[in-house]
C-alpha atoms as a PDB file:
ATOM      1  CA  UNK A   1      75.946 100.411 126.497  1.00  0.00           C
ATOM      2  CA  UNK A   2      73.747 102.725 123.740  1.00  0.00           C
ATOM      3  CA  UNK A   3      74.634 103.277 120.399  1.00  0.00           C
ATOM      4  CA  UNK A   4      75.185 107.519 121.072  1.00  0.00           C
ATOM      5  CA  UNK A   5      77.401 106.349 124.490  1.00  0.00           C
ATOM      6  CA  UNK A   6      79.522 104.263 122.098  1.00  0.00           C
ATOM      7  CA  UNK A   7      79.970 106.879 119.968  1.00  0.00           C
ATOM      8  CA  UNK A   8      80.514 109.588 121.797  1.00  0.00           C
ATOM      9  CA  UNK A   9      83.092 107.575 123.931  1.00  0.00           C
ATOM     10  CA  UNK A  10      84.804 106.911 120.110  1.00  0.00           C
ATOM     11  CA  UNK A  11      84.572 110.545 119.144  1.00  0.00           C
ATOM     12  CA  UNK A  12      85.939 111.552 122.668  1.00  0.00           C
ATOM     13  CA  UNK A  13      89.103 109.593 121.825  1.00  0.00           C
ATOM     14  CA  UNK A  14      89.636 110.550 118.833  1.00  0.00           C
ATOM     15  CA  UNK A  15      89.818 114.724 119.987  1.00  0.00           C
ATOM     16  CA  UNK A  16      91.492 113.672 122.606  1.00  0.00           C
ATOM     17  CA  UNK A  17      94.281 111.717 120.519  1.00  0.00           C
ATOM     18  CA  UNK A  18      93.914 114.715 118.158  1.00  0.00           C
ATOM     19  CA  UNK A  19      94.332 117.618 121.321  1.00  0.00           C
ATOM     20  CA  UNK A  20      97.132 115.604 122.545  1.00  0.00           C
ATOM     21  CA  UNK A  21      99.376 115.332 119.017  1.00  0.00           C
ATOM     22  CA  UNK A  22     102.330 117.045 118.531  1.00  0.00           C
ATOM     23  CA  UNK A  23     101.575 120.002 116.961  1.00  0.00           C
ATOM     24  CA  UNK A  24     104.423 118.868 114.015  1.00  0.00           C
ATOM     25  CA  UNK A  25     104.611 115.939 112.062  1.00  0.00           C
ATOM     26  CA  UNK A  26     108.650 115.856 112.139  1.00  0.00           C
ATOM     27  CA  UNK A  27     107.714 114.944 115.919  1.00  0.00           C
ATOM     28  CA  UNK A  28     106.235 111.526 114.687  1.00  0.00           C
ATOM     29  CA  UNK A  29     104.267 110.766 117.664  1.00  0.00           C
ATOM     30  CA  UNK A  30     101.356 110.071 115.204  1.00  0.00           C
ATOM     31  CA  UNK A  31     102.935 108.001 112.733  1.00  0.00           C
ATOM     32  CA  UNK A  32     100.006 107.018 110.326  1.00  0.00           C
ATOM     33  CA  UNK A  33      96.339 107.704 110.289  1.00  0.00           C
ATOM     34  CA  UNK A  34      93.656 105.625 107.885  1.00  0.00           C
ATOM     35  CA  UNK A  35      90.386 105.791 107.076  1.00  0.00           C
ATOM     36  CA  UNK A  36      88.385 102.921 104.880  1.00  0.00           C
ATOM     37  CA  UNK A  37      85.120 101.606 104.254  1.00  0.00           C
ATOM     38  CA  UNK A  38      84.054  97.939 104.880  1.00  0.00           C
ATOM     39  CA  UNK A  39      81.889  95.292 104.166  1.00  0.00           C
ATOM     40  CA  UNK A  40      79.738  94.984 107.259  1.00  0.00           C
ATOM     41  CA  UNK A  41      80.218  90.936 108.214  1.00  0.00           C
ATOM     42  CA  UNK A  42      80.776  90.016 104.990  1.00  0.00           C
ATOM     43  CA  UNK A  43      79.129  87.101 102.893  1.00  0.00           C
ATOM     44  CA  UNK A  44      82.501  86.219 102.388  1.00  0.00           C
ATOM     45  CA  UNK A  45      82.960  84.270 105.133  1.00  0.00           C
ATOM     46  CA  UNK A  46      79.463  83.065 105.859  1.00  0.00           C
ATOM     47  CA  UNK A  47      76.035  84.846 105.692  1.00  0.00           C
ATOM     48  CA  UNK A  48      76.079  88.338 106.139  1.00  0.00           C
ATOM     49  CA  UNK A  49      74.135  89.702 109.465  1.00  0.00           C
ATOM     50  CA  UNK A  50      72.518  93.002 110.421  1.00  0.00           C
ATOM     51  CA  UNK A  51      72.301  95.184 108.120  1.00  0.00           C
ATOM     52  CA  UNK A  52      74.029  95.777 104.523  1.00  0.00           C
ATOM     53  CA  UNK A  53      75.042  98.619 105.329  1.00  0.00           C
ATOM     54  CA  UNK A  54      79.046  99.578 104.851  1.00  0.00           C
ATOM     55  CA  UNK A  55      81.292 100.167 108.152  1.00  0.00           C
ATOM     56  CA  UNK A  56      83.501 103.223 108.307  1.00  0.00           C
ATOM     57  CA  UNK A  57      86.729 102.484 109.637  1.00  0.00           C
ATOM     58  CA  UNK A  58      89.136 105.025 110.986  1.00  0.00           C
ATOM     59  CA  UNK A  59      92.789 104.133 112.953  1.00  0.00           C
ATOM     60  CA  UNK A  60      95.698 106.014 114.104  1.00  0.00           C
ATOM     61  CA  UNK A  61      99.105 104.170 114.187  1.00  0.00           C
ATOM     62  CA  UNK A  62     101.341 105.846 116.658  1.00  0.00           C
ATOM     63  CA  UNK A  63     105.300 105.241 115.975  1.00  0.00           C
ATOM     64  CA  UNK A  64     106.697 102.059 118.323  1.00  0.00           C
ATOM     65  CA  UNK A  65     107.929 102.768 121.785  1.00  0.00           C
ATOM     66  CA  UNK A  66     111.874 101.417 122.456  1.00  0.00           C
ATOM     67  CA  UNK A  67     110.858  99.559 124.715  1.00  0.00           C
ATOM     68  CA  UNK A  68     108.575  97.069 122.034  1.00  0.00           C
ATOM     69  CA  UNK A  69     112.007  96.829 120.189  1.00  0.00           C
ATOM     70  CA  UNK A  70     112.118  92.806 121.833  1.00  0.00           C
ATOM     71  CA  UNK A  71     108.440  92.601 119.889  1.00  0.00           C
ATOM     72  CA  UNK A  72     109.554  93.166 116.315  1.00  0.00           C
ATOM     73  CA  UNK A  73     108.633  97.086 117.162  1.00  0.00           C
ATOM     74  CA  UNK A  74     105.027  96.737 116.552  1.00  0.00           C
ATOM     75  CA  UNK A  75     103.203 100.336 116.057  1.00  0.00           C
ATOM     76  CA  UNK A  76     100.678 100.534 118.910  1.00  0.00           C
ATOM     77  CA  UNK A  77      97.033 101.548 117.405  1.00  0.00           C
ATOM     78  CA  UNK A  78      93.539 102.942 118.097  1.00  0.00           C
ATOM     79  CA  UNK A  79      90.190 102.359 115.749  1.00  0.00           C
ATOM     80  CA  UNK A  80      87.182 102.156 115.364  1.00  0.00           C
ATOM     81  CA  UNK A  81      84.530 100.431 112.570  1.00  0.00           C
ATOM     82  CA  UNK A  82      81.755 102.797 112.872  1.00  0.00           C
ATOM     83  CA  UNK A  83      78.533 100.781 110.708  1.00  0.00           C
ATOM     84  CA  UNK A  84      76.564 103.171 109.133  1.00  0.00           C
ATOM     85  CA  UNK A  85      73.206 101.167 109.607  1.00  0.00           C
ATOM     86  CA  UNK A  86      72.696 100.348 112.962  1.00  0.00           C
ATOM     87  CA  UNK A  87      74.741  97.401 113.330  1.00  0.00           C
ATOM     88  CA  UNK A  88      76.959  96.688 115.464  1.00  0.00           C
ATOM     89  CA  UNK A  89      80.003  99.207 115.656  1.00  0.00           C
ATOM     90  CA  UNK A  90      83.794  98.548 117.509  1.00  0.00           C
ATOM     91  CA  UNK A  91      86.223 100.587 119.127  1.00  0.00           C
ATOM     92  CA  UNK A  92      89.506  98.872 119.310  1.00  0.00           C
ATOM     93  CA  UNK A  93      93.272  99.459 120.647  1.00  0.00           C
ATOM     94  CA  UNK A  94      96.387  96.979 119.886  1.00  0.00           C
ATOM     95  CA  UNK A  95      99.495  96.355 118.127  1.00  0.00           C
ATOM     96  CA  UNK A  96     100.304  96.172 114.616  1.00  0.00           C
ATOM     97  CA  UNK A  97     103.190  94.124 112.589  1.00  0.00           C
ATOM     98  CA  UNK A  98     104.254  95.082 109.156  1.00  0.00           C
ATOM     99  CA  UNK A  99     106.946  93.564 106.586  1.00  0.00           C
ATOM    100  CA  UNK A 100     107.676  94.727 103.285  1.00  0.00           C
ATOM    101  CA  UNK A 101     108.435  92.402 100.581  1.00  0.00           C
ATOM    102  CA  UNK A 102     109.652  95.432  98.593  1.00  0.00           C
ATOM    103  CA  UNK A 103     109.995  99.157  98.907  1.00  0.00           C
ATOM    104  CA  UNK A 104     105.908  99.517  98.099  1.00  0.00           C
ATOM    105  CA  UNK A 105     104.133  96.192  98.726  1.00  0.00           C
ATOM    106  CA  UNK A 106     103.542  95.015 102.254  1.00  0.00           C
ATOM    107  CA  UNK A 107     101.237  93.365 104.639  1.00  0.00           C
ATOM    108  CA  UNK A 108     100.541  93.948 107.824  1.00  0.00           C
ATOM    109  CA  UNK A 109      98.984  91.711 110.927  1.00  0.00           C
ATOM    110  CA  UNK A 110      97.173  93.365 113.886  1.00  0.00           C
ATOM    111  CA  UNK A 111      96.232  91.805 117.367  1.00  0.00           C
ATOM    112  CA  UNK A 112      94.836  93.120 120.501  1.00  0.00           C
ATOM    113  CA  UNK A 113      91.363  94.538 122.341  1.00  0.00           C
ATOM    114  CA  UNK A 114      87.860  95.343 121.310  1.00  0.00           C
ATOM    115  CA  UNK A 115      84.702  96.795 122.486  1.00  0.00           C
ATOM    116  CA  UNK A 116      81.152  96.809 120.627  1.00  0.00           C
ATOM    117  CA  UNK A 117      77.886  98.101 120.922  1.00  0.00           C
ATOM    118  CA  UNK A 118      75.873  94.943 119.273  1.00  0.00           C
ATOM    119  CA  UNK A 119      73.667  92.477 121.586  1.00  0.00           C
ATOM    120  CA  UNK A 120      75.283  90.260 124.836  1.00  0.00           C
ATOM    121  CA  UNK A 121      72.434  88.000 125.576  1.00  0.00           C
ATOM    122  CA  UNK A 122      68.966  87.113 124.484  1.00  0.00           C
ATOM    123  CA  UNK A 123      68.259  85.521 121.110  1.00  0.00           C
ATOM    124  CA  UNK A 124      69.568  88.622 118.663  1.00  0.00           C
ATOM    125  CA  UNK A 125      67.516  91.584 120.122  1.00  0.00           C
ATOM    126  CA  UNK A 126      64.078  92.435 119.676  1.00  0.00           C
ATOM    127  CA  UNK A 127      64.250  92.517 115.435  1.00  0.00           C
ATOM    128  CA  UNK A 128      66.269  89.289 115.460  1.00  0.00           C
ATOM    129  CA  UNK A 129      68.781  91.346 112.886  1.00  0.00           C
ATOM    130  CA  UNK A 130      71.507  92.022 115.802  1.00  0.00           C
ATOM    131  CA  UNK A 131      74.004  89.469 116.557  1.00  0.00           C
ATOM    132  CA  UNK A 132      74.700  87.880 120.131  1.00  0.00           C
ATOM    133  CA  UNK A 133      78.026  88.346 120.748  1.00  0.00           C
ATOM    134  CA  UNK A 134      77.990  87.260 123.912  1.00  0.00           C
ATOM    135  CA  UNK A 135      80.045  89.274 125.993  1.00  0.00           C
ATOM    136  CA  UNK A 136      81.068  93.207 125.748  1.00  0.00           C
ATOM    137  CA  UNK A 137      85.111  93.055 125.623  1.00  0.00           C
ATOM    138  CA  UNK A 138      86.998  90.816 122.691  1.00  0.00           C
ATOM    139  CA  UNK A 139      89.447  90.021 120.998  1.00  0.00           C
ATOM    140  CA  UNK A 140      90.629  92.599 117.311  1.00  0.00           C
ATOM    141  CA  UNK A 141      92.920  91.170 115.040  1.00  0.00           C
ATOM    142  CA  UNK A 142      93.082  92.306 111.200  1.00  0.00           C
ATOM    143  CA  UNK A 143      95.371  91.624 108.178  1.00  0.00           C
ATOM    144  CA  UNK A 144      96.203  93.787 105.359  1.00  0.00           C
ATOM    145  CA  UNK A 145      98.186  93.603 101.895  1.00  0.00           C
ATOM    146  CA  UNK A 146      98.937  97.186 101.020  1.00  0.00           C
ATOM    147  CA  UNK A 147     100.694  99.103  98.225  1.00  0.00           C
ATOM    148  CA  UNK A 148     102.967 102.139  99.610  1.00  0.00           C
ATOM    149  CA  UNK A 149     102.758 104.980  96.306  1.00  0.00           C
ATOM    150  CA  UNK A 150     105.441 107.487  97.631  1.00  0.00           C
ATOM    151  CA  UNK A 151     106.483 106.530 101.061  1.00  0.00           C
ATOM    152  CA  UNK A 152     103.474 108.533 102.748  1.00  0.00           C
ATOM    153  CA  UNK A 153     100.168 107.288 100.973  1.00  0.00           C
ATOM    154  CA  UNK A 154      99.443 103.775 101.010  1.00  0.00           C
ATOM    155  CA  UNK A 155      96.625 101.799  99.837  1.00  0.00           C
ATOM    156  CA  UNK A 156      95.715  98.554 101.797  1.00  0.00           C
ATOM    157  CA  UNK A 157      92.708  95.573 101.246  1.00  0.00           C
ATOM    158  CA  UNK A 158      92.221  94.504 104.846  1.00  0.00           C
ATOM    159  CA  UNK A 159      90.212  91.979 106.529  1.00  0.00           C
ATOM    160  CA  UNK A 160      89.128  92.726 110.291  1.00  0.00           C
ATOM    161  CA  UNK A 161      87.785  90.462 112.752  1.00  0.00           C
ATOM    162  CA  UNK A 162      86.469  90.516 116.190  1.00  0.00           C
ATOM    163  CA  UNK A 163      85.091  87.648 118.349  1.00  0.00           C
ATOM    164  CA  UNK A 164      85.812  86.247 122.091  1.00  0.00           C
ATOM    165  CA  UNK A 165      87.873  83.178 121.113  1.00  0.00           C
ATOM    166  CA  UNK A 166      84.803  81.316 122.918  1.00  0.00           C
ATOM    167  CA  UNK A 167      85.629  82.520 126.101  1.00  0.00           C
ATOM    168  CA  UNK A 168      81.857  83.672 126.587  1.00  0.00           C
ATOM    169  CA  UNK A 169      78.379  81.448 125.716  1.00  0.00           C
ATOM    170  CA  UNK A 170      78.020  83.132 122.269  1.00  0.00           C
ATOM    171  CA  UNK A 171      80.730  83.430 119.795  1.00  0.00           C
ATOM    172  CA  UNK A 172      79.434  84.213 116.160  1.00  0.00           C
ATOM    173  CA  UNK A 173      82.243  86.841 115.188  1.00  0.00           C
ATOM    174  CA  UNK A 174      81.996  89.793 113.198  1.00  0.00           C
ATOM    175  CA  UNK A 175      84.539  90.076 109.965  1.00  0.00           C
ATOM    176  CA  UNK A 176      84.261  92.735 108.393  1.00  0.00           C
ATOM    177  CA  UNK A 177      86.300  93.435 104.202  1.00  0.00           C
ATOM    178  CA  UNK A 178      87.399  96.484 102.767  1.00  0.00           C
ATOM    179  CA  UNK A 179      89.999  98.972 101.087  1.00  0.00           C
ATOM    180  CA  UNK A 180      91.731 101.502 103.584  1.00  0.00           C
ATOM    181  CA  UNK A 181      94.034 104.494 102.728  1.00  0.00           C
ATOM    182  CA  UNK A 182      96.596 106.213 104.548  1.00  0.00           C
ATOM    183  CA  UNK A 183      98.811 108.529 105.143  1.00  0.00           C
ATOM    184  CA  UNK A 184     101.937 108.198 107.003  1.00  0.00           C
ATOM    185  CA  UNK A 185     103.691 111.429 108.371  1.00  0.00           C
END
């Protein structure tokens, strides 16, 4: 999928979510919005690939529906990591589980699926700067350590990972590390 089509699809999904959201925050359809910046393919987990340009993260979390109470009431979420330098960008959806140690300190884990605009075959693209991820559909998971300032605003240190769990021939994975700000309605 060309980068422009990928970005257009991500923007269309974001616009759809914004238009279909309730008019007031008291409806609690969208539970939280987040933005952040990630170190793309962070050196903390091996050699950095593709680009040194950061990823911009945007994410929307929704109120947990009653039918997910059996699974610990995770919040459904959608998001995207958009690389600012021509590297691989991803769009993802899944579920997020939060655990609060205190009123302020929490951890969060997520699990779901992702699609990306990176290479899926060949030797890392014509310039050999792009990773070959083997297939388009991937698993996506993340973990965050956060601090909630006032019940609405939080700051999180996040590790974000995408891979195909060796279901395709190539599986280098993509791991980002960064910080995010969240606003809970």
